[in-house]
Amino acid sequence: MSDQQQMISDIEREVAYTRHMIGRSAFSHSVMNAIRLVPREAFVPETERRFAYNNGPLPIGCGQTISQPYIVALMTDLLELDGDDVVLEVGTGSGYQAAVLSRVAKQVYTLEIIDTLAERAAETLDNLGYDNITCRCVDGYNGWPEHAPYDAIMVTAAAVEIPPPLIDQLRPGGRLVIPLGRPYDYQNLVLVEKSRSGEVRERVILGVAFVPLTRSDAHRGIYGVDRSESI
C-alpha cells in the first residue's frame, strides 16, 4: 500500500470512529477524490516530506501548520460543495486546503495574513497548475467583499467569535465552517448554516486544535494564480 493509500485508509477509519459526532459515515466521493488528487508532499517543507501522508498536522514555518488530512477532508465535506460553487477560505497557510477545495468548487478565493506563506502558497499552486485559486495577503477577519456573496466560507484558524463580515458575505443558503475557541485552549469545529431568509444556525461538530486567527492591518498585497485581479 502506498503512503497516499494509507492516508486514505486512515481518513476512512477516523470517519467511522467519529461518525456519531460528524453526522456522516463517509465523506463524499468528490471530496475523497480531491484528497487523492492533491499531492500533499508538495505543500510541506522538504524536511517534513517523509511525513506528508501521515494523518496528522505538520509544521510549515512561521508558527503555522498544515492541517491533519482527516480535518481537511471533514471541513471540505461539511461545506457540501458542487462544481459551480465559489468559496472563500480564510487562512491559506501552505495552500493545501485551497487546492483540495479547488477540485470540488468552481473558484476559490483564499486569504493569508503572513506574507511569506501567501507568496509561497501562491507559487506552489501556480507551479502545480491550479488556475481557479486566487490568493491575497490581508487580514482575513473582514473577508473579501469584492467577490461576495460566497456559496461557502472556510476559516482554517481558531477565532473567539464568528467574524460578522464573513456572515454578511455568505449567501443565503450557504455554509460556513470555523474552529471556535481561545488560542491554545479547547476549541470546537462549528458548522454555520445561513437559511434562505438569512437566519443563522450553528452546530458544534467536534473538538479540534487550530492555531489562532491573527488580526493585523499591516499586511497588504495580492498574490495569485489568477494575476488578472488587482486590489
Protein backbone atom coordinates (compact mmCIF):
# COMPACT_ATOMS: atom_id res chain seq x y z
CA MET A 1 0.00 0.00 0.00
CA SER A 2 1.36 3.42 -0.95
CA ASP A 3 1.68 6.25 1.57
CA GLN A 4 -1.24 8.04 -0.09
CA GLN A 5 -3.43 4.93 0.01
CA GLN A 6 -2.55 4.54 3.69
CA MET A 7 -3.63 8.15 4.30
CA ILE A 8 -6.97 7.49 2.61
CA SER A 9 -7.47 4.39 4.77
CA ASP A 10 -6.61 6.38 7.90
CA ILE A 11 -9.17 9.06 6.98
CA GLU A 12 -11.87 6.46 6.35
CA ARG A 13 -11.10 4.78 9.66
CA GLU A 14 -11.34 8.08 11.53
CA VAL A 15 -14.63 8.90 9.81
CA ALA A 16 -16.02 5.60 11.08
CA TYR A 17 -14.76 6.35 14.60
CA THR A 18 -16.28 9.86 14.69
CA ARG A 19 -19.45 9.22 12.66
CA HIS A 20 -21.80 9.92 15.59
CA MET A 21 -20.24 13.35 16.10
CA ILE A 22 -19.89 14.43 12.49
CA GLY A 23 -23.26 13.08 11.34
CA ARG A 24 -21.95 11.05 8.41
CA SER A 25 -20.47 7.60 7.95
CA ALA A 26 -18.43 8.52 4.86
CA PHE A 27 -17.22 11.59 3.05
CA SER A 28 -18.49 12.27 -0.46
CA HIS A 29 -16.80 10.68 -3.44
CA SER A 30 -15.86 14.11 -4.80
CA VAL A 31 -14.11 15.11 -1.56
CA MET A 32 -12.18 11.85 -1.26
CA ASN A 33 -11.23 12.07 -4.93
CA ALA A 34 -9.89 15.59 -4.32
CA ILE A 35 -7.81 14.27 -1.42
CA ARG A 36 -6.41 11.60 -3.73
CA LEU A 37 -5.61 14.08 -6.50
CA VAL A 38 -3.80 16.76 -4.48
CA PRO A 39 -0.11 15.92 -3.82
CA ARG A 40 0.24 16.78 -0.13
CA GLU A 41 4.03 16.44 -0.21
CA ALA A 42 4.21 19.50 -2.49
CA PHE A 43 2.75 21.69 0.27
CA VAL A 44 5.08 20.79 3.14
CA PRO A 45 8.74 21.77 3.73
CA GLU A 46 11.30 19.37 2.32
CA THR A 47 12.31 18.32 5.84
CA GLU A 48 8.75 17.13 6.52
CA ARG A 49 8.02 15.38 3.23
CA ARG A 50 8.65 11.88 4.57
CA PHE A 51 5.67 12.52 6.88
CA ALA A 52 3.46 14.15 4.22
CA TYR A 53 0.88 11.36 4.11
CA ASN A 54 0.69 10.73 7.86
CA ASN A 55 -2.77 11.52 9.21
CA GLY A 56 -1.58 14.40 11.35
CA PRO A 57 -0.67 18.11 11.16
CA LEU A 58 2.83 19.22 10.15
CA PRO A 59 4.76 22.48 10.66
CA ILE A 60 5.08 24.73 7.61
CA GLY A 61 7.05 27.58 9.18
CA CYS A 62 6.04 30.97 10.64
CA GLY A 63 4.45 29.15 13.59
CA GLN A 64 1.76 27.65 11.31
CA THR A 65 0.76 24.12 10.36
CA ILE A 66 -0.78 22.15 7.54
CA SER A 67 -3.91 20.52 8.96
CA GLN A 68 -4.45 16.82 9.54
CA PRO A 69 -5.78 15.20 6.33
CA TYR A 70 -8.89 13.95 8.12
CA ILE A 71 -9.72 17.50 9.24
CA VAL A 72 -9.10 18.87 5.74
CA ALA A 73 -11.49 16.28 4.32
CA LEU A 74 -14.06 16.83 7.08
CA MET A 75 -14.15 20.62 6.71
CA THR A 76 -14.42 20.29 2.94
CA ASP A 77 -17.20 17.71 3.19
CA LEU A 78 -19.19 19.83 5.66
CA LEU A 79 -19.45 22.61 3.06
CA GLU A 80 -21.32 20.23 0.69
CA LEU A 81 -19.83 21.85 -2.41
CA ASP A 82 -20.64 21.25 -6.03
CA GLY A 83 -18.69 22.17 -9.12
CA ASP A 84 -20.39 25.57 -9.50
CA ASP A 85 -19.67 26.97 -6.04
CA VAL A 86 -17.49 29.97 -5.22
CA VAL A 87 -15.62 29.56 -1.93
CA LEU A 88 -13.78 31.92 0.39
CA GLU A 89 -11.01 30.47 2.57
CA VAL A 90 -9.56 32.46 5.47
CA GLY A 91 -6.08 31.17 6.29
CA THR A 92 -4.25 29.93 3.19
CA GLY A 93 -1.28 28.54 5.08
CA SER A 94 0.52 26.09 2.80
CA GLY A 95 -2.20 26.24 0.13
CA TYR A 96 -3.12 22.56 0.56
CA GLN A 97 -6.68 23.15 1.75
CA ALA A 98 -7.27 25.63 -1.07
CA ALA A 99 -6.04 23.03 -3.56
CA VAL A 100 -8.47 20.45 -2.19
CA LEU A 101 -11.32 22.96 -2.30
CA SER A 102 -10.46 23.85 -5.89
CA ARG A 103 -11.12 20.28 -7.01
CA VAL A 104 -14.75 20.44 -5.80
CA ALA A 105 -15.59 24.11 -6.45
CA LYS A 106 -15.61 26.50 -9.39
CA GLN A 107 -13.46 29.22 -7.80
CA VAL A 108 -11.55 29.59 -4.54
CA TYR A 109 -10.53 32.94 -3.06
CA THR A 110 -8.10 32.50 -0.20
CA LEU A 111 -6.69 34.99 2.32
CA GLU A 112 -3.44 34.73 4.29
CA ILE A 113 -2.13 37.36 6.69
CA ILE A 114 1.51 36.15 6.70
CA ASP A 115 3.16 37.44 3.54
CA THR A 116 5.83 34.71 3.43
CA LEU A 117 3.17 32.00 3.46
CA ALA A 118 0.93 33.83 1.00
CA GLU A 119 3.74 34.17 -1.55
CA ARG A 120 4.92 30.59 -1.07
CA ALA A 121 1.42 29.13 -1.34
CA ALA A 122 0.64 31.15 -4.48
CA GLU A 123 3.88 30.00 -6.09
CA THR A 124 3.20 26.35 -5.21
CA LEU A 125 -0.36 26.48 -6.53
CA ASP A 126 0.78 28.23 -9.70
CA ASN A 127 3.54 25.69 -10.33
CA LEU A 128 1.05 22.83 -9.88
CA GLY A 129 -1.39 24.38 -12.35
CA TYR A 130 -4.27 25.29 -10.03
CA ASP A 131 -5.84 28.03 -12.14
CA ASN A 132 -9.07 28.60 -10.19
CA ILE A 133 -7.46 29.87 -6.97
CA THR A 134 -6.64 33.48 -6.13
CA CYS A 135 -4.56 34.28 -3.03
CA ARG A 136 -4.48 37.59 -1.24
CA CYS A 137 -2.24 38.69 1.65
CA VAL A 138 -4.51 40.52 4.07
CA ASP A 139 -6.26 40.27 7.44
CA GLY A 140 -8.93 37.66 6.75
CA TYR A 141 -11.31 38.79 9.50
CA ASN A 142 -13.02 41.15 7.07
CA GLY A 143 -13.23 38.59 4.28
CA TRP A 144 -13.04 39.65 0.62
CA PRO A 145 -16.21 41.65 -0.08
CA GLU A 146 -15.40 42.32 -3.76
CA HIS A 147 -16.25 38.72 -4.66
CA ALA A 148 -19.15 38.19 -2.25
CA PRO A 149 -21.56 36.60 -1.78
CA TYR A 150 -19.88 33.22 -1.38
CA ASP A 151 -21.59 29.86 -1.59
CA ALA A 152 -19.35 28.62 1.21
CA ILE A 153 -16.69 30.00 3.56
CA MET A 154 -13.98 28.10 5.44
CA VAL A 155 -11.86 29.51 8.26
CA THR A 156 -8.73 27.47 8.98
CA ALA A 157 -7.64 29.22 12.19
CA ALA A 158 -9.40 29.43 15.55
CA ALA A 159 -11.41 32.55 16.37
CA VAL A 160 -13.18 33.51 19.58
CA GLU A 161 -16.20 34.58 17.55
CA ILE A 162 -17.56 34.17 14.05
CA PRO A 163 -16.41 37.33 12.22
CA PRO A 164 -19.58 39.28 11.34
CA PRO A 165 -18.20 40.32 7.90
CA LEU A 166 -17.98 36.65 6.95
CA ILE A 167 -21.62 36.07 7.87
CA ASP A 168 -22.54 39.09 5.77
CA GLN A 169 -20.56 37.73 2.79
CA LEU A 170 -22.15 34.26 2.97
CA ARG A 171 -25.06 33.92 0.56
CA PRO A 172 -28.47 32.79 1.87
CA GLY A 173 -28.45 29.00 1.77
CA GLY A 174 -24.68 28.93 2.21
CA ARG A 175 -22.46 27.15 4.73
CA LEU A 176 -19.50 28.30 6.80
CA VAL A 177 -17.17 26.11 8.83
CA ILE A 178 -14.89 27.55 11.52
CA PRO A 179 -12.99 26.45 14.65
CA LEU A 180 -14.15 28.49 17.65
CA GLY A 181 -12.29 28.84 20.92
CA ARG A 182 -9.47 30.66 22.67
CA PRO A 183 -5.91 30.27 21.39
CA TYR A 184 -4.28 27.02 22.51
CA ASP A 185 -7.36 26.17 24.60
CA TYR A 186 -10.33 23.88 23.94
CA GLN A 187 -11.90 24.59 20.55
CA ASN A 188 -14.91 23.31 18.65
CA LEU A 189 -15.31 22.94 14.93
CA VAL A 190 -18.60 24.71 14.18
CA LEU A 191 -20.82 24.49 11.12
CA VAL A 192 -22.80 27.64 10.37
CA GLU A 193 -25.80 27.49 8.05
CA LYS A 194 -27.49 30.61 6.69
CA SER A 195 -31.10 30.00 5.70
CA ARG A 196 -32.76 31.39 2.60
CA SER A 197 -34.34 34.02 4.84
CA GLY A 198 -30.97 34.98 6.36
CA GLU A 199 -31.37 33.17 9.68
CA VAL A 200 -28.09 31.83 11.04
CA ARG A 201 -27.83 28.49 12.82
CA GLU A 202 -24.72 26.98 14.42
CA ARG A 203 -23.91 23.33 15.11
CA VAL A 204 -20.89 22.02 17.00
CA ILE A 205 -19.25 19.14 15.14
CA LEU A 206 -16.32 18.02 17.33
CA GLY A 207 -13.34 19.23 19.32
CA VAL A 208 -10.30 20.45 17.37
CA ALA A 209 -6.95 22.22 17.86
CA PHE A 210 -6.04 25.06 15.48
CA VAL A 211 -3.56 27.93 15.55
CA PRO A 212 -5.27 31.26 16.35
CA LEU A 213 -6.74 33.61 13.76
CA THR A 214 -4.34 36.54 13.58
CA ARG A 215 -5.52 40.15 13.29
CA SER A 216 -3.43 42.89 11.71
CA ASP A 217 -3.72 45.80 9.33
CA ALA A 218 -0.03 45.68 8.41
CA HIS A 219 -0.20 43.19 5.55
CA ARG A 220 -1.46 44.22 2.14
CA GLY A 221 -0.93 42.93 -1.39
CA ILE A 222 -2.16 40.26 -3.71
CA TYR A 223 -0.56 37.10 -4.97
CA GLY A 224 -2.41 34.58 -7.03
CA VAL A 225 -2.71 32.08 -9.76
CA ASP A 226 -5.16 34.45 -11.44
CA ARG A 227 -2.96 37.54 -11.86
CA SER A 228 -5.62 39.46 -13.78
CA GLU A 229 -7.02 40.52 -10.37
CA SER A 230 -5.99 43.73 -8.68
CA ILE A 231 -6.89 45.35 -5.38
